[in-house]
N, C-alpha and C. Protein backbone atom coordinates (compact mmCIF):
# COMPACT_ATOMS: atom_id res chain seq x y z
N MET A 1 108.80 121.42 105.32
CA MET A 1 108.80 120.21 104.58
C MET A 1 107.31 120.37 104.41
N PRO A 2 106.88 120.14 102.85
CA PRO A 2 105.53 119.94 102.25
C PRO A 2 104.64 118.78 102.88
N TYR A 3 103.47 118.76 102.75
CA TYR A 3 102.77 117.87 103.15
C TYR A 3 102.41 117.08 102.24
N LEU A 4 102.08 115.62 102.85
CA LEU A 4 101.26 114.98 101.45
C LEU A 4 99.71 114.58 101.99
N ILE A 5 98.95 115.14 101.15
CA ILE A 5 97.65 114.71 101.60
C ILE A 5 96.94 113.54 101.04
N ASP A 6 96.20 113.10 101.79
CA ASP A 6 95.61 111.45 101.72
C ASP A 6 94.13 111.89 100.86
N THR A 7 94.05 110.72 100.16
CA THR A 7 92.74 110.79 99.19
C THR A 7 91.54 111.03 100.19
N ASN A 8 91.61 110.14 101.56
CA ASN A 8 90.38 110.38 102.34
C ASN A 8 90.09 111.69 102.74
N LEU A 9 91.28 112.62 102.87
CA LEU A 9 91.12 114.11 103.49
C LEU A 9 90.15 115.11 102.35
N LEU A 10 90.97 114.45 101.07
CA LEU A 10 90.32 115.25 100.02
C LEU A 10 88.68 114.91 99.52
N ILE A 11 88.44 113.62 100.14
CA ILE A 11 87.50 113.38 99.84
C ILE A 11 86.28 114.09 100.71
N TYR A 12 86.83 113.83 101.95
CA TYR A 12 86.09 114.70 103.32
C TYR A 12 85.80 116.20 102.87
N ALA A 13 86.88 116.94 102.38
CA ALA A 13 86.72 118.03 101.76
C ALA A 13 85.81 118.37 100.55
N LEU A 14 85.77 117.92 99.94
CA LEU A 14 84.91 117.96 98.47
C LEU A 14 83.89 117.56 98.96
N SER A 15 83.42 116.87 99.95
CA SER A 15 81.96 116.15 100.20
C SER A 15 81.09 117.59 100.63
N GLY A 16 81.97 118.21 101.19
CA GLY A 16 81.06 119.31 102.20
C GLY A 16 81.26 118.93 103.51
N ASN A 17 81.65 117.97 104.07
CA ASN A 17 81.33 117.50 105.46
C ASN A 17 82.83 118.16 106.36
N ALA A 18 83.53 118.47 105.76
CA ALA A 18 84.81 119.24 106.61
C ALA A 18 84.41 120.20 107.26
N SER A 19 84.81 120.32 108.68
CA SER A 19 84.85 121.65 109.46
C SER A 19 85.59 122.69 108.81
N ALA A 20 85.25 123.91 109.28
CA ALA A 20 85.96 125.31 108.86
C ALA A 20 87.42 124.89 109.17
N ALA A 21 87.33 124.79 110.52
CA ALA A 21 89.14 124.25 111.00
C ALA A 21 89.73 123.16 109.92
N VAL A 22 89.18 122.01 109.29
CA VAL A 22 90.11 121.18 108.59
C VAL A 22 89.89 121.87 107.23
N LEU A 23 89.14 122.46 106.71
CA LEU A 23 89.30 123.38 105.50
C LEU A 23 90.30 124.31 105.70
N SER A 24 90.53 125.12 106.75
CA SER A 24 91.64 126.02 106.97
C SER A 24 93.04 125.09 106.89
N GLN A 25 93.01 123.94 107.75
CA GLN A 25 94.30 123.48 107.46
C GLN A 25 94.70 122.82 106.16
N ILE A 26 93.81 122.39 105.35
CA ILE A 26 94.04 122.26 104.05
C ILE A 26 94.40 123.42 103.20
N ASP A 27 93.64 124.51 103.73
CA ASP A 27 94.14 125.46 102.75
C ASP A 27 95.70 125.97 103.10
N SER A 28 95.81 125.88 103.96
CA SER A 28 97.19 126.00 105.08
C SER A 28 98.32 125.30 104.36
N ALA A 29 97.77 123.90 103.78
CA ALA A 29 98.75 123.06 103.41
C ALA A 29 99.40 123.45 101.98
N ILE A 30 98.10 123.73 101.16
CA ILE A 30 98.08 124.19 99.79
C ILE A 30 98.89 125.28 99.67
N ALA A 31 98.93 126.08 100.58
CA ALA A 31 99.85 127.57 100.57
C ALA A 31 101.27 127.43 100.71
N ASP A 32 101.49 125.57 101.82
CA ASP A 32 102.54 125.38 101.68
C ASP A 32 103.12 124.68 100.80
N ASN A 33 102.53 124.36 99.65
CA ASN A 33 102.94 123.61 98.58
C ASN A 33 102.68 121.96 98.91
N ALA A 34 101.37 121.90 99.29
CA ALA A 34 101.22 120.32 99.48
C ALA A 34 101.45 119.34 98.22
N HIS A 35 101.47 118.43 98.54
CA HIS A 35 101.39 117.10 97.54
C HIS A 35 100.39 115.99 97.81
N PHE A 36 100.36 115.20 96.56
CA PHE A 36 99.36 114.43 96.60
C PHE A 36 99.89 113.16 95.68
N SER A 37 99.73 112.06 95.63
CA SER A 37 100.24 110.87 95.22
C SER A 37 99.35 110.51 93.78
N VAL A 38 99.87 109.86 92.81
CA VAL A 38 99.09 109.51 91.76
C VAL A 38 98.26 108.89 92.01
N ILE A 39 98.07 107.87 93.17
CA ILE A 39 97.01 107.02 93.52
C ILE A 39 95.86 108.01 93.92
N THR A 40 95.92 109.15 94.50
CA THR A 40 94.88 109.88 94.87
C THR A 40 94.40 110.42 93.60
N ARG A 41 94.85 110.51 92.82
CA ARG A 41 94.63 111.24 91.38
C ARG A 41 93.26 109.99 90.59
N MET A 42 94.12 109.03 91.17
CA MET A 42 93.25 107.87 90.08
C MET A 42 91.94 107.49 91.15
N GLU A 43 91.90 107.69 92.15
CA GLU A 43 91.02 107.23 93.28
C GLU A 43 89.83 108.59 93.17
N LEU A 44 90.42 109.53 93.12
CA LEU A 44 89.48 110.69 92.96
C LEU A 44 88.69 110.90 91.77
N LEU A 45 89.45 110.96 90.80
CA LEU A 45 88.78 110.99 89.33
C LEU A 45 88.35 109.66 88.87
N GLY A 46 88.64 108.45 89.40
CA GLY A 46 87.95 107.29 88.98
C GLY A 46 86.64 106.85 89.50
N TRP A 47 86.42 107.92 90.38
CA TRP A 47 85.10 107.62 91.10
C TRP A 47 83.70 107.73 89.91
N SER A 48 83.07 106.72 89.74
CA SER A 48 82.02 106.56 88.79
C SER A 48 81.06 107.60 89.24
N GLY A 49 80.65 108.18 90.38
CA GLY A 49 79.81 109.12 90.75
C GLY A 49 79.76 110.55 90.72
N HIS A 50 80.81 111.02 90.18
CA HIS A 50 80.88 112.17 89.37
C HIS A 50 79.80 112.64 89.05
N THR A 51 79.72 114.11 89.17
CA THR A 51 78.39 114.86 88.49
C THR A 51 79.70 115.83 87.76
N PRO A 52 79.45 116.23 86.65
CA PRO A 52 80.27 117.15 86.04
C PRO A 52 80.56 118.28 86.86
N ASP A 53 79.74 118.90 88.06
CA ASP A 53 80.49 120.06 89.05
C ASP A 53 81.23 119.28 89.84
N SER A 54 81.08 118.48 89.95
CA SER A 54 82.10 117.61 91.44
C SER A 54 83.29 117.21 90.49
N ARG A 55 83.26 116.80 89.51
CA ARG A 55 84.46 116.38 88.82
C ARG A 55 85.19 117.65 88.65
N ARG A 56 84.72 118.77 88.20
CA ARG A 56 85.17 120.38 88.07
C ARG A 56 86.08 120.49 89.02
N ALA A 57 85.37 120.55 90.32
CA ALA A 57 85.80 120.72 91.90
C ALA A 57 87.05 120.29 92.00
N THR A 58 86.71 118.46 92.04
CA THR A 58 88.07 117.65 92.09
C THR A 58 89.29 118.40 91.30
N GLU A 59 89.07 118.17 90.24
CA GLU A 59 90.08 118.78 89.26
C GLU A 59 90.46 120.14 89.86
N ALA A 60 89.88 120.91 89.94
CA ALA A 60 90.35 122.20 90.46
C ALA A 60 91.36 122.37 91.77
N LEU A 61 90.75 121.14 92.63
CA LEU A 61 91.39 121.20 93.80
C LEU A 61 92.92 120.44 93.70
N LEU A 62 92.93 119.62 92.93
CA LEU A 62 93.94 118.82 92.58
C LEU A 62 95.08 119.96 91.80
N MET A 63 94.57 120.79 91.14
CA MET A 63 95.71 121.57 90.58
C MET A 63 96.28 122.27 91.13
N GLN A 64 95.79 122.64 92.45
CA GLN A 64 96.29 123.47 93.52
C GLN A 64 97.49 122.91 94.30
N LEU A 65 97.91 121.30 94.18
CA LEU A 65 98.64 120.42 94.66
C LEU A 65 99.75 120.12 93.80
N THR A 66 100.72 119.38 94.14
CA THR A 66 101.68 119.04 93.62
C THR A 66 101.79 117.15 93.59
N GLU A 67 101.43 116.95 92.40
CA GLU A 67 101.82 115.45 92.31
C GLU A 67 102.88 114.62 92.36
N ILE A 68 102.83 113.61 92.96
CA ILE A 68 104.01 112.72 93.31
C ILE A 68 103.87 111.55 92.40
N SER A 69 104.64 111.40 91.33
CA SER A 69 104.29 110.20 90.70
C SER A 69 104.86 109.11 91.03
N LEU A 70 104.65 107.81 91.07
CA LEU A 70 105.14 106.50 91.36
C LEU A 70 106.71 106.28 90.67
N THR A 71 107.74 106.33 91.34
CA THR A 71 109.24 105.54 90.84
C THR A 71 108.88 104.25 91.42
N PRO A 72 110.23 104.09 90.68
CA PRO A 72 110.24 102.58 90.93
C PRO A 72 111.10 102.72 92.65
N ALA A 73 111.76 103.79 93.31
CA ALA A 73 112.23 103.84 94.41
C ALA A 73 110.99 104.01 95.20
N ILE A 74 109.93 104.72 94.94
CA ILE A 74 108.75 105.20 95.63
C ILE A 74 108.14 103.39 95.99
N VAL A 75 107.97 102.70 94.85
CA VAL A 75 107.48 101.24 95.07
C VAL A 75 107.96 100.42 96.02
N GLU A 76 109.35 100.76 95.84
CA GLU A 76 110.14 99.87 96.50
C GLU A 76 109.98 100.10 98.27
N ALA A 77 110.11 101.39 98.54
CA ALA A 77 109.93 101.88 99.76
C ALA A 77 108.93 101.45 100.28
N VAL A 78 107.58 101.68 99.78
CA VAL A 78 106.23 101.27 100.14
C VAL A 78 106.23 99.52 100.39
N ILE A 79 106.70 98.91 99.47
CA ILE A 79 106.79 97.54 99.82
C ILE A 79 107.85 97.06 101.03
N ALA A 80 108.76 97.78 101.13
CA ALA A 80 109.42 97.37 102.27
C ALA A 80 108.77 97.91 103.75
N ILE A 81 108.09 99.01 103.62
CA ILE A 81 107.29 99.66 104.79
C ILE A 81 106.44 98.21 105.23
N ARG A 82 105.55 97.97 104.24
CA ARG A 82 104.56 97.20 104.57
C ARG A 82 104.79 95.81 104.75
N THR A 83 105.97 95.45 104.57
CA THR A 83 106.51 93.60 104.85
C THR A 83 107.50 93.87 106.22
């Protein structure tokens, strides 16, 4: 089963603050076809503090992962979980 990687984990990795062990786990997840949500894309790329280099690094990382779009079924499932 593929992993769904959270925005905060990717921020941690991209910031250079992740330990070697965490980076190794992320690399393993990527090798296992990890996923991220379209919301993560919006959160990461919508950050106004990017430099050209940090934006390129973020885009390169996201290209290694599979994006999950928000379908009506996903939206309804999230609503059900949260209520």
